[in-house]
Structures are given as C-alpha cells and as structure tokens.
Amino acid sequence: MARKKRISTNSVAARLVGGKPLALKLHADGSLVVIRPDGRKAHFDAAQVRAAGQAEDDGSAPPIKQAAS
C-alpha cells in the first residue's frame, strides 16, 4: 500500500490564508485557527483543512471558503 505524503500544518495554513501565518493552532477535532499575515483570526473546519492538504498533495487548487465564525 502506498504511503500518503505528510503535509505540514504550516504549509496548509499558508495555503488557506494566502500567506505565511503569524500563528496557528490545530485542534483535536481537525479544525484549525490561523492568525493571518494581516493580524486577523481565521477559523477553518476539519473538512477545509483536509481539502487544503489534499490540494497541496496533488497540486490542485480548489477554492477554500472560510467557515463562519
């Protein structure tokens, strides 16, 4: 069985916010809270985090929508 490539949380967070995050926190439920480069906080649910990780892994770039806060 082929192993999946491991993608860093920092890389996924950067993909989600469109730049290098100032800080981030990955929660046990798979959700991610990121402080954007401009200082605003963004919340992403587990599905959005998985989608961004898969897009990074396979080179596709589906649009990422931010979860309502």
PDB file of N, CA and C in Angstrom:
ATOM      1  N   MET A   1       0.851  -1.180   0.000  1.00  0.00           N
ATOM      2  CA  MET A   1       0.000   0.000   0.000  1.00  0.00           C
ATOM      3  C   MET A   1       0.898   1.245   0.000  1.00  0.00           C
ATOM      4  N   ALA A   2       0.550   2.200  -0.817  1.00  0.00           N
ATOM      5  CA  ALA A   2       1.327   3.434  -0.910  1.00  0.00           C
ATOM      6  C   ALA A   2       1.085   4.315   0.311  1.00  0.00           C
ATOM      7  N   ARG A   3       2.164   4.888   0.815  1.00  0.00           N
ATOM      8  CA  ARG A   3       2.030   5.805   1.948  1.00  0.00           C
ATOM      9  C   ARG A   3       1.666   7.184   1.441  1.00  0.00           C
ATOM     10  N   LYS A   4       0.838   7.878   2.227  1.00  0.00           N
ATOM     11  CA  LYS A   4       0.468   9.246   1.872  1.00  0.00           C
ATOM     12  C   LYS A   4       1.593  10.186   2.280  1.00  0.00           C
ATOM     13  N   LYS A   5       1.849  11.168   1.463  1.00  0.00           N
ATOM     14  CA  LYS A   5       2.838  12.188   1.777  1.00  0.00           C
ATOM     15  C   LYS A   5       2.311  13.038   2.925  1.00  0.00           C
ATOM     16  N   ARG A   6       3.145  13.276   3.917  1.00  0.00           N
ATOM     17  CA  ARG A   6       2.735  14.089   5.064  1.00  0.00           C
ATOM     18  C   ARG A   6       2.940  15.563   4.730  1.00  0.00           C
ATOM     19  N   ILE A   7       1.917  16.359   4.952  1.00  0.00           N
ATOM     20  CA  ILE A   7       1.956  17.784   4.646  1.00  0.00           C
ATOM     21  C   ILE A   7       2.011  18.548   5.969  1.00  0.00           C
ATOM     22  N   SER A   8       2.868  19.528   6.061  1.00  0.00           N
ATOM     23  CA  SER A   8       2.995  20.273   7.317  1.00  0.00           C
ATOM     24  C   SER A   8       1.778  21.170   7.553  1.00  0.00           C
ATOM     25  N   THR A   9       1.453  21.331   8.819  1.00  0.00           N
ATOM     26  CA  THR A   9       0.339  22.196   9.206  1.00  0.00           C
ATOM     27  C   THR A   9       0.621  23.632   8.786  1.00  0.00           C
ATOM     28  N   ASN A  10       1.878  24.058   8.900  1.00  0.00           N
ATOM     29  CA  ASN A  10       2.238  25.420   8.481  1.00  0.00           C
ATOM     30  C   ASN A  10       1.959  25.632   6.999  1.00  0.00           C
ATOM     31  N   SER A  11       2.269  24.633   6.205  1.00  0.00           N
ATOM     32  CA  SER A  11       2.054  24.727   4.766  1.00  0.00           C
ATOM     33  C   SER A  11       0.562  24.804   4.434  1.00  0.00           C
ATOM     34  N   VAL A  12      -0.235  23.987   5.122  1.00  0.00           N
ATOM     35  CA  VAL A  12      -1.686  24.008   4.907  1.00  0.00           C
ATOM     36  C   VAL A  12      -2.255  25.358   5.338  1.00  0.00           C
ATOM     37  N   ALA A  13      -1.810  25.858   6.492  1.00  0.00           N
ATOM     38  CA  ALA A  13      -2.293  27.154   6.984  1.00  0.00           C
ATOM     39  C   ALA A  13      -1.943  28.265   5.994  1.00  0.00           C
ATOM     40  N   ALA A  14      -0.740  28.235   5.457  1.00  0.00           N
ATOM     41  CA  ALA A  14      -0.329  29.251   4.477  1.00  0.00           C
ATOM     42  C   ALA A  14      -1.206  29.181   3.235  1.00  0.00           C
ATOM     43  N   ARG A  15      -1.554  27.985   2.813  1.00  0.00           N
ATOM     44  CA  ARG A  15      -2.444  27.818   1.647  1.00  0.00           C
ATOM     45  C   ARG A  15      -3.830  28.389   1.939  1.00  0.00           C
ATOM     46  N   LEU A  16      -4.322  28.139   3.139  1.00  0.00           N
ATOM     47  CA  LEU A  16      -5.662  28.597   3.499  1.00  0.00           C
ATOM     48  C   LEU A  16      -5.772  30.117   3.580  1.00  0.00           C
ATOM     49  N   VAL A  17      -4.730  30.782   4.095  1.00  0.00           N
ATOM     50  CA  VAL A  17      -4.820  32.235   4.284  1.00  0.00           C
ATOM     51  C   VAL A  17      -4.088  33.033   3.211  1.00  0.00           C
ATOM     52  N   GLY A  18      -3.418  32.349   2.302  1.00  0.00           N
ATOM     53  CA  GLY A  18      -2.753  33.046   1.205  1.00  0.00           C
ATOM     54  C   GLY A  18      -1.485  33.772   1.604  1.00  0.00           C
ATOM     55  N   GLY A  19      -0.769  33.252   2.567  1.00  0.00           N
ATOM     56  CA  GLY A  19       0.485  33.851   3.005  1.00  0.00           C
ATOM     57  C   GLY A  19       0.975  33.167   4.266  1.00  0.00           C
ATOM     58  N   LYS A  20       2.123  33.601   4.755  1.00  0.00           N
ATOM     59  CA  LYS A  20       2.697  32.996   5.948  1.00  0.00           C
ATOM     60  C   LYS A  20       1.904  33.415   7.188  1.00  0.00           C
ATOM     61  N   PRO A  21       1.336  32.446   7.918  1.00  0.00           N
ATOM     62  CA  PRO A  21       0.555  32.793   9.111  1.00  0.00           C
ATOM     63  C   PRO A  21       1.439  33.293  10.244  1.00  0.00           C
ATOM     64  N   LEU A  22       0.899  34.203  11.046  1.00  0.00           N
ATOM     65  CA  LEU A  22       1.633  34.687  12.219  1.00  0.00           C
ATOM     66  C   LEU A  22       1.623  33.647  13.332  1.00  0.00           C
ATOM     67  N   ALA A  23       0.523  32.890  13.436  1.00  0.00           N
ATOM     68  CA  ALA A  23       0.385  31.834  14.440  1.00  0.00           C
ATOM     69  C   ALA A  23      -0.714  30.892  13.984  1.00  0.00           C
ATOM     70  N   LEU A  24      -0.719  29.687  14.540  1.00  0.00           N
ATOM     71  CA  LEU A  24      -1.772  28.740  14.223  1.00  0.00           C
ATOM     72  C   LEU A  24      -1.945  27.748  15.356  1.00  0.00           C
ATOM     73  N   LYS A  25      -3.115  27.137  15.403  1.00  0.00           N
ATOM     74  CA  LYS A  25      -3.428  26.123  16.408  1.00  0.00           C
ATOM     75  C   LYS A  25      -4.297  25.068  15.747  1.00  0.00           C
ATOM     76  N   LEU A  26      -3.794  23.823  15.707  1.00  0.00           N
ATOM     77  CA  LEU A  26      -4.549  22.698  15.196  1.00  0.00           C
ATOM     78  C   LEU A  26      -5.256  22.036  16.369  1.00  0.00           C
ATOM     79  N   HIS A  27      -6.559  21.896  16.288  1.00  0.00           N
ATOM     80  CA  HIS A  27      -7.347  21.316  17.374  1.00  0.00           C
ATOM     81  C   HIS A  27      -7.535  19.815  17.166  1.00  0.00           C
ATOM     82  N   ALA A  28      -7.871  19.112  18.247  1.00  0.00           N
ATOM     83  CA  ALA A  28      -8.036  17.655  18.216  1.00  0.00           C
ATOM     84  C   ALA A  28      -9.111  17.216  17.225  1.00  0.00           C
ATOM     85  N   ASP A  29     -10.109  18.050  16.994  1.00  0.00           N
ATOM     86  CA  ASP A  29     -11.184  17.693  16.057  1.00  0.00           C
ATOM     87  C   ASP A  29     -10.794  17.928  14.596  1.00  0.00           C
ATOM     88  N   GLY A  30      -9.573  18.391  14.349  1.00  0.00           N
ATOM     89  CA  GLY A  30      -9.094  18.623  12.990  1.00  0.00           C
ATOM     90  C   GLY A  30      -9.286  20.040  12.493  1.00  0.00           C
ATOM     91  N   SER A  31      -9.965  20.875  13.279  1.00  0.00           N
ATOM     92  CA  SER A  31     -10.137  22.274  12.872  1.00  0.00           C
ATOM     93  C   SER A  31      -8.837  23.038  13.113  1.00  0.00           C
ATOM     94  N   LEU A  32      -8.727  24.164  12.467  1.00  0.00           N
ATOM     95  CA  LEU A  32      -7.503  24.955  12.525  1.00  0.00           C
ATOM     96  C   LEU A  32      -7.862  26.424  12.707  1.00  0.00           C
ATOM     97  N   VAL A  33      -7.188  27.077  13.643  1.00  0.00           N
ATOM     98  CA  VAL A  33      -7.326  28.518  13.840  1.00  0.00           C
ATOM     99  C   VAL A  33      -5.998  29.139  13.419  1.00  0.00           C
ATOM    100  N   VAL A  34      -6.077  30.142  12.559  1.00  0.00           N
ATOM    101  CA  VAL A  34      -4.879  30.756  11.996  1.00  0.00           C
ATOM    102  C   VAL A  34      -4.953  32.266  12.175  1.00  0.00           C
ATOM    103  N   ILE A  35      -3.841  32.874  12.571  1.00  0.00           N
ATOM    104  CA  ILE A  35      -3.724  34.325  12.555  1.00  0.00           C
ATOM    105  C   ILE A  35      -3.102  34.690  11.212  1.00  0.00           C
ATOM    106  N   ARG A  36      -3.897  35.370  10.394  1.00  0.00           N
ATOM    107  CA  ARG A  36      -3.470  35.753   9.040  1.00  0.00           C
ATOM    108  C   ARG A  36      -2.284  36.719   9.096  1.00  0.00           C
ATOM    109  N   PRO A  37      -1.581  36.873   7.974  1.00  0.00           N
ATOM    110  CA  PRO A  37      -0.459  37.815   7.935  1.00  0.00           C
ATOM    111  C   PRO A  37      -0.839  39.249   8.325  1.00  0.00           C
ATOM    112  N   ASP A  38      -2.115  39.619   8.112  1.00  0.00           N
ATOM    113  CA  ASP A  38      -2.547  40.981   8.462  1.00  0.00           C
ATOM    114  C   ASP A  38      -3.064  41.085   9.897  1.00  0.00           C
ATOM    115  N   GLY A  39      -2.985  39.976  10.667  1.00  0.00           N
ATOM    116  CA  GLY A  39      -3.363  40.002  12.075  1.00  0.00           C
ATOM    117  C   GLY A  39      -4.782  39.544  12.375  1.00  0.00           C
ATOM    118  N   ARG A  40      -5.588  39.285  11.351  1.00  0.00           N
ATOM    119  CA  ARG A  40      -6.964  38.820  11.580  1.00  0.00           C
ATOM    120  C   ARG A  40      -6.977  37.318  11.851  1.00  0.00           C
ATOM    121  N   LYS A  41      -7.914  36.875  12.686  1.00  0.00           N
ATOM    122  CA  LYS A  41      -8.052  35.462  13.021  1.00  0.00           C
ATOM    123  C   LYS A  41      -9.004  34.789  12.030  1.00  0.00           C
ATOM    124  N   ALA A  42      -8.640  33.576  11.615  1.00  0.00           N
ATOM    125  CA  ALA A  42      -9.479  32.797  10.706  1.00  0.00           C
ATOM    126  C   ALA A  42      -9.676  31.404  11.289  1.00  0.00           C
ATOM    127  N   HIS A  43     -10.896  30.891  11.191  1.00  0.00           N
ATOM    128  CA  HIS A  43     -11.241  29.553  11.664  1.00  0.00           C
ATOM    129  C   HIS A  43     -11.556  28.678  10.459  1.00  0.00           C
ATOM    130  N   PHE A  44     -10.992  27.470  10.415  1.00  0.00           N
ATOM    131  CA  PHE A  44     -11.255  26.523   9.341  1.00  0.00           C
ATOM    132  C   PHE A  44     -11.679  25.196   9.957  1.00  0.00           C
ATOM    133  N   ASP A  45     -12.743  24.609   9.431  1.00  0.00           N
ATOM    134  CA  ASP A  45     -13.191  23.321   9.971  1.00  0.00           C
ATOM    135  C   ASP A  45     -12.321  22.195   9.400  1.00  0.00           C
ATOM    136  N   ALA A  46     -12.501  20.989   9.946  1.00  0.00           N
ATOM    137  CA  ALA A  46     -11.663  19.853   9.565  1.00  0.00           C
ATOM    138  C   ALA A  46     -11.746  19.550   8.073  1.00  0.00           C
ATOM    139  N   ALA A  47     -12.925  19.684   7.474  1.00  0.00           N
ATOM    140  CA  ALA A  47     -13.081  19.414   6.043  1.00  0.00           C
ATOM    141  C   ALA A  47     -12.266  20.393   5.203  1.00  0.00           C
ATOM    142  N   GLN A  48     -12.256  21.655   5.590  1.00  0.00           N
ATOM    143  CA  GLN A  48     -11.478  22.661   4.856  1.00  0.00           C
ATOM    144  C   GLN A  48      -9.980  22.382   4.987  1.00  0.00           C
ATOM    145  N   VAL A  49      -9.545  21.969   6.170  1.00  0.00           N
ATOM    146  CA  VAL A  49      -8.133  21.661   6.397  1.00  0.00           C
ATOM    147  C   VAL A  49      -7.727  20.459   5.543  1.00  0.00           C
ATOM    148  N   ARG A  50      -8.568  19.413   5.520  1.00  0.00           N
ATOM    149  CA  ARG A  50      -8.283  18.238   4.694  1.00  0.00           C
ATOM    150  C   ARG A  50      -8.221  18.608   3.219  1.00  0.00           C
ATOM    151  N   ALA A  51      -9.165  19.425   2.755  1.00  0.00           N
ATOM    152  CA  ALA A  51      -9.194  19.835   1.344  1.00  0.00           C
ATOM    153  C   ALA A  51      -7.928  20.601   0.966  1.00  0.00           C
ATOM    154  N   ALA A  52      -7.480  21.484   1.841  1.00  0.00           N
ATOM    155  CA  ALA A  52      -6.261  22.256   1.562  1.00  0.00           C
ATOM    156  C   ALA A  52      -5.041  21.346   1.549  1.00  0.00           C
ATOM    157  N   GLY A  53      -5.012  20.370   2.432  1.00  0.00           N
ATOM    158  CA  GLY A  53      -3.908  19.418   2.463  1.00  0.00           C
ATOM    159  C   GLY A  53      -3.882  18.541   1.233  1.00  0.00           C
ATOM    160  N   GLN A  54      -5.041  18.095   0.781  1.00  0.00           N
ATOM    161  CA  GLN A  54      -5.114  17.270  -0.420  1.00  0.00           C
ATOM    162  C   GLN A  54      -4.740  18.077  -1.650  1.00  0.00           C
ATOM    163  N   ALA A  55      -5.166  19.321  -1.706  1.00  0.00           N
ATOM    164  CA  ALA A  55      -4.828  20.181  -2.844  1.00  0.00           C
ATOM    165  C   ALA A  55      -3.324  20.370  -2.918  1.00  0.00           C
ATOM    166  N   GLU A  56      -2.695  20.521  -1.761  1.00  0.00           N
ATOM    167  CA  GLU A  56      -1.247  20.692  -1.728  1.00  0.00           C
ATOM    168  C   GLU A  56      -0.559  19.415  -2.182  1.00  0.00           C
ATOM    169  N   ASP A  57      -1.119  18.275  -1.787  1.00  0.00           N
ATOM    170  CA  ASP A  57      -0.527  16.984  -2.101  1.00  0.00           C
ATOM    171  C   ASP A  57      -0.614  16.658  -3.582  1.00  0.00           C
ATOM    172  N   ASP A  58      -1.766  16.938  -4.207  1.00  0.00           N
ATOM    173  CA  ASP A  58      -1.936  16.551  -5.609  1.00  0.00           C
ATOM    174  C   ASP A  58      -1.763  17.698  -6.602  1.00  0.00           C
ATOM    175  N   GLY A  59      -1.506  18.897  -6.104  1.00  0.00           N
ATOM    176  CA  GLY A  59      -1.250  20.028  -6.987  1.00  0.00           C
ATOM    177  C   GLY A  59      -2.482  20.770  -7.445  1.00  0.00           C
ATOM    178  N   SER A  60      -3.683  20.282  -7.101  1.00  0.00           N
ATOM    179  CA  SER A  60      -4.889  21.006  -7.482  1.00  0.00           C
ATOM    180  C   SER A  60      -5.102  22.171  -6.520  1.00  0.00           C
ATOM    181  N   ALA A  61      -5.957  23.065  -6.875  1.00  0.00           N
ATOM    182  CA  ALA A  61      -6.175  24.235  -6.020  1.00  0.00           C
ATOM    183  C   ALA A  61      -7.652  24.604  -5.966  1.00  0.00           C
ATOM    184  N   PRO A  62      -8.464  23.796  -5.275  1.00  0.00           N
ATOM    185  CA  PRO A  62      -9.877  24.176  -5.167  1.00  0.00           C
ATOM    186  C   PRO A  62     -10.038  25.403  -4.297  1.00  0.00           C
ATOM    187  N   PRO A  63     -11.066  26.201  -4.540  1.00  0.00           N
ATOM    188  CA  PRO A  63     -11.258  27.382  -3.693  1.00  0.00           C
ATOM    189  C   PRO A  63     -11.565  26.969  -2.263  1.00  0.00           C
ATOM    190  N   ILE A  64     -11.001  27.676  -1.306  1.00  0.00           N
ATOM    191  CA  ILE A  64     -11.220  27.403   0.110  1.00  0.00           C
ATOM    192  C   ILE A  64     -12.121  28.497   0.641  1.00  0.00           C
ATOM    193  N   LYS A  65     -13.218  28.100   1.252  1.00  0.00           N
ATOM    194  CA  LYS A  65     -14.144  29.067   1.855  1.00  0.00           C
ATOM    195  C   LYS A  65     -13.972  29.030   3.353  1.00  0.00           C
ATOM    196  N   GLN A  66     -13.887  30.214   3.959  1.00  0.00           N
ATOM    197  CA  GLN A  66     -13.713  30.297   5.398  1.00  0.00           C
ATOM    198  C   GLN A  66     -15.019  29.967   6.123  1.00  0.00           C
ATOM    199  N   ALA A  67     -14.903  29.201   7.195  1.00  0.00           N
ATOM    200  CA  ALA A  67     -16.075  28.862   7.998  1.00  0.00           C
ATOM    201  C   ALA A  67     -16.597  30.115   8.684  1.00  0.00           C
ATOM    202  N   ALA A  68     -17.896  30.165   8.886  1.00  0.00           N
ATOM    203  CA  ALA A  68     -18.491  31.296   9.601  1.00  0.00           C
ATOM    204  C   ALA A  68     -18.030  31.271  11.050  1.00  0.00           C
ATOM    205  N   SER A  69     -17.705  32.441  11.587  1.00  0.00           N
ATOM    206  CA  SER A  69     -17.240  32.471  12.972  1.00  0.00           C
ATOM    207  C   SER A  69     -18.325  32.817  13.930  1.00  0.00           C
TER     208      SER A  69
END
